Amino acid sequence: MANSKSALKRIEINERNRMRNKAYKSAVKTLMKKYFLAVEAYASSPSEEQLQSVNNAMSVAYSKIDKAVKTGVYHKNNGARKKARLARALKTIVPQAS
């Protein structure tokens, strides 16, 4: 157990940051899964509505990844790699969509 006031504060701050990081990482994983499911649905039955849902899912996932990078949860290159993975998933289905 910590003996000084500053050590106690560091423990509290570390716990707060850990919970924030966990929330962002979990949200990003969930949004990426939703995006990949939308891409699969679009691949099985291409339609304008399906493409719109894919683009919406991509937008939401990109936004959350960018916010995670901005707050320091992910490194800049890690965020870029995740976004490139999302774009590549759609590009393999529809080369002209991106």
N, C-alpha and C. Protein backbone atom coordinates (compact mmCIF):
# COMPACT_ATOMS: atom_id res chain seq x y z
N MET A 1 0.84 -1.18 0.00
CA MET A 1 0.00 0.00 0.00
C MET A 1 0.88 1.24 0.00
N ALA A 2 0.41 2.26 -0.69
CA ALA A 2 1.19 3.51 -0.80
C ALA A 2 1.24 4.23 0.55
N ASN A 3 2.36 4.87 0.80
CA ASN A 3 2.54 5.56 2.08
C ASN A 3 2.45 7.07 1.97
N SER A 4 2.61 7.61 0.78
CA SER A 4 2.58 9.07 0.65
C SER A 4 1.33 9.52 -0.10
N LYS A 5 1.00 10.78 0.09
CA LYS A 5 -0.18 11.35 -0.55
C LYS A 5 -0.03 11.33 -2.07
N SER A 6 1.16 11.63 -2.56
CA SER A 6 1.37 11.64 -4.01
C SER A 6 1.27 10.24 -4.61
N ALA A 7 1.74 9.24 -3.86
CA ALA A 7 1.64 7.86 -4.35
C ALA A 7 0.18 7.41 -4.41
N LEU A 8 -0.61 7.82 -3.42
CA LEU A 8 -2.04 7.51 -3.44
C LEU A 8 -2.72 8.16 -4.64
N LYS A 9 -2.32 9.41 -4.91
CA LYS A 9 -2.91 10.11 -6.05
C LYS A 9 -2.53 9.42 -7.36
N ARG A 10 -1.28 8.98 -7.48
CA ARG A 10 -0.84 8.29 -8.70
C ARG A 10 -1.65 7.00 -8.90
N ILE A 11 -1.94 6.30 -7.82
CA ILE A 11 -2.74 5.07 -7.92
C ILE A 11 -4.12 5.40 -8.46
N GLU A 12 -4.72 6.47 -7.95
CA GLU A 12 -6.05 6.88 -8.42
C GLU A 12 -6.02 7.28 -9.89
N ILE A 13 -5.00 8.03 -10.27
CA ILE A 13 -4.89 8.49 -11.66
C ILE A 13 -4.66 7.31 -12.59
N ASN A 14 -3.82 6.37 -12.18
CA ASN A 14 -3.56 5.19 -13.01
C ASN A 14 -4.82 4.37 -13.21
N GLU A 15 -5.62 4.24 -12.16
CA GLU A 15 -6.87 3.49 -12.28
C GLU A 15 -7.85 4.21 -13.21
N ARG A 16 -7.93 5.53 -13.09
CA ARG A 16 -8.80 6.30 -13.97
C ARG A 16 -8.38 6.14 -15.42
N ASN A 17 -7.09 6.23 -15.69
CA ASN A 17 -6.59 6.09 -17.06
C ASN A 17 -6.79 4.68 -17.58
N ARG A 18 -6.62 3.69 -16.72
CA ARG A 18 -6.82 2.29 -17.13
C ARG A 18 -8.26 2.05 -17.56
N MET A 19 -9.19 2.60 -16.80
CA MET A 19 -10.60 2.43 -17.14
C MET A 19 -10.94 3.17 -18.44
N ARG A 20 -10.38 4.36 -18.62
CA ARG A 20 -10.61 5.11 -19.86
C ARG A 20 -10.05 4.34 -21.05
N ASN A 21 -8.84 3.83 -20.92
CA ASN A 21 -8.22 3.08 -22.02
C ASN A 21 -9.03 1.84 -22.34
N LYS A 22 -9.51 1.16 -21.32
CA LYS A 22 -10.30 -0.06 -21.52
C LYS A 22 -11.59 0.26 -22.25
N ALA A 23 -12.23 1.36 -21.88
CA ALA A 23 -13.49 1.75 -22.53
C ALA A 23 -13.27 2.07 -24.00
N TYR A 24 -12.23 2.84 -24.31
CA TYR A 24 -11.95 3.18 -25.70
C TYR A 24 -11.61 1.94 -26.52
N LYS A 25 -10.74 1.09 -25.99
CA LYS A 25 -10.33 -0.09 -26.74
C LYS A 25 -11.50 -1.03 -26.99
N SER A 26 -12.35 -1.19 -26.00
CA SER A 26 -13.52 -2.04 -26.16
C SER A 26 -14.46 -1.47 -27.21
N ALA A 27 -14.68 -0.16 -27.16
CA ALA A 27 -15.57 0.49 -28.12
C ALA A 27 -15.03 0.36 -29.54
N VAL A 28 -13.74 0.55 -29.71
CA VAL A 28 -13.13 0.44 -31.04
C VAL A 28 -13.28 -0.98 -31.58
N LYS A 29 -13.03 -1.98 -30.74
CA LYS A 29 -13.17 -3.37 -31.19
C LYS A 29 -14.61 -3.66 -31.60
N THR A 30 -15.57 -3.18 -30.81
CA THR A 30 -16.98 -3.41 -31.11
C THR A 30 -17.36 -2.75 -32.43
N LEU A 31 -16.94 -1.51 -32.63
CA LEU A 31 -17.28 -0.79 -33.85
C LEU A 31 -16.62 -1.43 -35.07
N MET A 32 -15.41 -1.94 -34.91
CA MET A 32 -14.75 -2.61 -36.02
C MET A 32 -15.49 -3.90 -36.39
N LYS A 33 -15.95 -4.64 -35.39
CA LYS A 33 -16.71 -5.85 -35.66
C LYS A 33 -18.01 -5.53 -36.39
N LYS A 34 -18.70 -4.47 -35.94
CA LYS A 34 -19.93 -4.06 -36.60
C LYS A 34 -19.67 -3.67 -38.05
N TYR A 35 -18.54 -2.99 -38.28
CA TYR A 35 -18.19 -2.59 -39.64
C TYR A 35 -17.94 -3.82 -40.52
N PHE A 36 -17.17 -4.78 -40.01
CA PHE A 36 -16.87 -5.97 -40.80
C PHE A 36 -18.14 -6.78 -41.09
N LEU A 37 -19.08 -6.80 -40.14
CA LEU A 37 -20.35 -7.47 -40.40
C LEU A 37 -21.15 -6.73 -41.48
N ALA A 38 -21.10 -5.40 -41.47
CA ALA A 38 -21.79 -4.62 -42.49
C ALA A 38 -21.17 -4.87 -43.86
N VAL A 39 -19.84 -4.99 -43.93
CA VAL A 39 -19.16 -5.26 -45.20
C VAL A 39 -19.55 -6.65 -45.72
N GLU A 40 -19.62 -7.62 -44.81
CA GLU A 40 -20.02 -8.97 -45.22
C GLU A 40 -21.45 -8.97 -45.76
N ALA A 41 -22.33 -8.24 -45.08
CA ALA A 41 -23.72 -8.16 -45.54
C ALA A 41 -23.79 -7.50 -46.91
N TYR A 42 -22.98 -6.48 -47.12
CA TYR A 42 -22.95 -5.80 -48.42
C TYR A 42 -22.40 -6.73 -49.50
N ALA A 43 -21.40 -7.52 -49.16
CA ALA A 43 -20.80 -8.44 -50.14
C ALA A 43 -21.80 -9.52 -50.55
N SER A 44 -22.61 -9.97 -49.61
CA SER A 44 -23.56 -11.04 -49.94
C SER A 44 -24.74 -10.53 -50.75
N SER A 45 -25.17 -9.30 -50.48
CA SER A 45 -26.28 -8.73 -51.26
C SER A 45 -26.06 -7.24 -51.46
N PRO A 46 -25.30 -6.87 -52.49
CA PRO A 46 -24.98 -5.46 -52.70
C PRO A 46 -26.24 -4.64 -53.03
N SER A 47 -26.38 -3.55 -52.30
CA SER A 47 -27.45 -2.60 -52.57
C SER A 47 -27.01 -1.24 -52.07
N GLU A 48 -27.74 -0.23 -52.48
CA GLU A 48 -27.39 1.13 -52.08
C GLU A 48 -27.55 1.31 -50.56
N GLU A 49 -28.58 0.69 -49.99
CA GLU A 49 -28.81 0.81 -48.54
C GLU A 49 -27.69 0.14 -47.76
N GLN A 50 -27.25 -1.03 -48.24
CA GLN A 50 -26.16 -1.74 -47.57
C GLN A 50 -24.87 -0.93 -47.63
N LEU A 51 -24.61 -0.31 -48.79
CA LEU A 51 -23.41 0.51 -48.92
C LEU A 51 -23.47 1.71 -47.99
N GLN A 52 -24.65 2.28 -47.84
CA GLN A 52 -24.82 3.42 -46.93
C GLN A 52 -24.55 3.00 -45.49
N SER A 53 -25.02 1.82 -45.09
CA SER A 53 -24.78 1.35 -43.73
C SER A 53 -23.29 1.05 -43.51
N VAL A 54 -22.62 0.55 -44.56
CA VAL A 54 -21.17 0.32 -44.47
C VAL A 54 -20.44 1.65 -44.27
N ASN A 55 -20.82 2.65 -45.05
CA ASN A 55 -20.17 3.96 -44.92
C ASN A 55 -20.43 4.60 -43.56
N ASN A 56 -21.64 4.43 -43.03
CA ASN A 56 -21.95 4.96 -41.70
C ASN A 56 -21.12 4.26 -40.63
N ALA A 57 -21.02 2.94 -40.74
CA ALA A 57 -20.23 2.18 -39.76
C ALA A 57 -18.76 2.57 -39.84
N MET A 58 -18.27 2.80 -41.06
CA MET A 58 -16.87 3.21 -41.22
C MET A 58 -16.64 4.58 -40.58
N SER A 59 -17.58 5.49 -40.79
CA SER A 59 -17.45 6.84 -40.24
C SER A 59 -17.41 6.81 -38.72
N VAL A 60 -18.29 6.03 -38.11
CA VAL A 60 -18.33 5.94 -36.65
C VAL A 60 -17.04 5.31 -36.12
N ALA A 61 -16.57 4.27 -36.78
CA ALA A 61 -15.34 3.60 -36.34
C ALA A 61 -14.14 4.53 -36.49
N TYR A 62 -14.04 5.22 -37.62
CA TYR A 62 -12.95 6.17 -37.82
C TYR A 62 -12.94 7.24 -36.73
N SER A 63 -14.12 7.75 -36.41
CA SER A 63 -14.23 8.79 -35.40
C SER A 63 -13.73 8.30 -34.05
N LYS A 64 -14.15 7.11 -33.65
CA LYS A 64 -13.75 6.57 -32.35
C LYS A 64 -12.25 6.28 -32.32
N ILE A 65 -11.70 5.78 -33.43
CA ILE A 65 -10.26 5.52 -33.50
C ILE A 65 -9.49 6.84 -33.38
N ASP A 66 -9.95 7.87 -34.10
CA ASP A 66 -9.27 9.17 -34.04
C ASP A 66 -9.32 9.76 -32.62
N LYS A 67 -10.44 9.61 -31.94
CA LYS A 67 -10.55 10.11 -30.57
C LYS A 67 -9.63 9.34 -29.64
N ALA A 68 -9.51 8.02 -29.86
CA ALA A 68 -8.62 7.21 -29.03
C ALA A 68 -7.16 7.63 -29.24
N VAL A 69 -6.81 7.95 -30.48
CA VAL A 69 -5.44 8.40 -30.76
C VAL A 69 -5.21 9.77 -30.10
N LYS A 70 -6.20 10.63 -30.22
CA LYS A 70 -6.07 11.98 -29.67
C LYS A 70 -5.90 11.97 -28.15
N THR A 71 -6.59 11.05 -27.47
CA THR A 71 -6.48 10.99 -26.00
C THR A 71 -5.30 10.15 -25.54
N GLY A 72 -4.56 9.54 -26.47
CA GLY A 72 -3.36 8.80 -26.10
C GLY A 72 -3.59 7.34 -25.80
N VAL A 73 -4.78 6.83 -26.09
CA VAL A 73 -5.06 5.42 -25.86
C VAL A 73 -4.29 4.57 -26.87
N TYR A 74 -4.29 5.01 -28.13
CA TYR A 74 -3.55 4.33 -29.19
C TYR A 74 -2.45 5.25 -29.70
N HIS A 75 -1.37 4.64 -30.16
CA HIS A 75 -0.34 5.39 -30.87
C HIS A 75 -0.90 5.77 -32.23
N LYS A 76 -0.36 6.85 -32.78
CA LYS A 76 -0.80 7.36 -34.07
C LYS A 76 -0.73 6.30 -35.17
N ASN A 77 0.34 5.54 -35.21
CA ASN A 77 0.50 4.51 -36.24
C ASN A 77 -0.48 3.35 -36.04
N ASN A 78 -0.77 3.04 -34.78
CA ASN A 78 -1.73 1.97 -34.50
C ASN A 78 -3.12 2.38 -35.00
N GLY A 79 -3.49 3.63 -34.77
CA GLY A 79 -4.77 4.12 -35.27
C GLY A 79 -4.82 4.10 -36.78
N ALA A 80 -3.74 4.50 -37.41
CA ALA A 80 -3.68 4.52 -38.88
C ALA A 80 -3.78 3.10 -39.43
N ARG A 81 -3.14 2.15 -38.76
CA ARG A 81 -3.19 0.76 -39.21
C ARG A 81 -4.61 0.20 -39.10
N LYS A 82 -5.31 0.54 -38.02
CA LYS A 82 -6.69 0.07 -37.86
C LYS A 82 -7.59 0.67 -38.93
N LYS A 83 -7.42 1.94 -39.22
CA LYS A 83 -8.24 2.59 -40.25
C LYS A 83 -7.93 2.01 -41.63
N ALA A 84 -6.67 1.71 -41.90
CA ALA A 84 -6.30 1.12 -43.19
C ALA A 84 -6.90 -0.28 -43.33
N ARG A 85 -6.97 -1.01 -42.23
CA ARG A 85 -7.57 -2.34 -42.26
C ARG A 85 -9.06 -2.25 -42.61
N LEU A 86 -9.73 -1.24 -42.06
CA LEU A 86 -11.14 -1.05 -42.37
C LEU A 86 -11.33 -0.70 -43.84
N ALA A 87 -10.51 0.20 -44.34
CA ALA A 87 -10.63 0.62 -45.74
C ALA A 87 -10.33 -0.53 -46.68
N ARG A 88 -9.34 -1.34 -46.33
CA ARG A 88 -8.95 -2.47 -47.18
C ARG A 88 -10.07 -3.51 -47.27
N ALA A 89 -10.81 -3.69 -46.18
CA ALA A 89 -11.90 -4.67 -46.18
C ALA A 89 -12.96 -4.30 -47.21
N LEU A 90 -13.27 -3.01 -47.33
CA LEU A 90 -14.26 -2.58 -48.32
C LEU A 90 -13.68 -2.57 -49.72
N LYS A 91 -12.42 -2.20 -49.83
CA LYS A 91 -11.79 -2.10 -51.15
C LYS A 91 -11.71 -3.46 -51.84
N THR A 92 -11.54 -4.53 -51.08
CA THR A 92 -11.50 -5.86 -51.70
C THR A 92 -12.85 -6.25 -52.26
N ILE A 93 -13.93 -5.72 -51.69
CA ILE A 93 -15.28 -6.02 -52.16
C ILE A 93 -15.64 -5.12 -53.33
N VAL A 94 -15.42 -3.82 -53.17
CA VAL A 94 -15.80 -2.83 -54.19
C VAL A 94 -14.59 -1.94 -54.46
N PRO A 95 -13.77 -2.23 -55.47
CA PRO A 95 -12.57 -1.45 -55.71
C PRO A 95 -12.83 0.04 -55.95
N GLN A 96 -13.95 0.41 -56.55
CA GLN A 96 -14.18 1.82 -56.86
C GLN A 96 -14.87 2.56 -55.71
N ALA A 97 -15.28 1.87 -54.63
CA ALA A 97 -16.01 2.51 -53.54
C ALA A 97 -15.13 3.45 -52.75
N SER A 98 -13.83 3.18 -52.65
CA SER A 98 -12.98 4.03 -51.84
C SER A 98 -12.32 5.07 -52.71
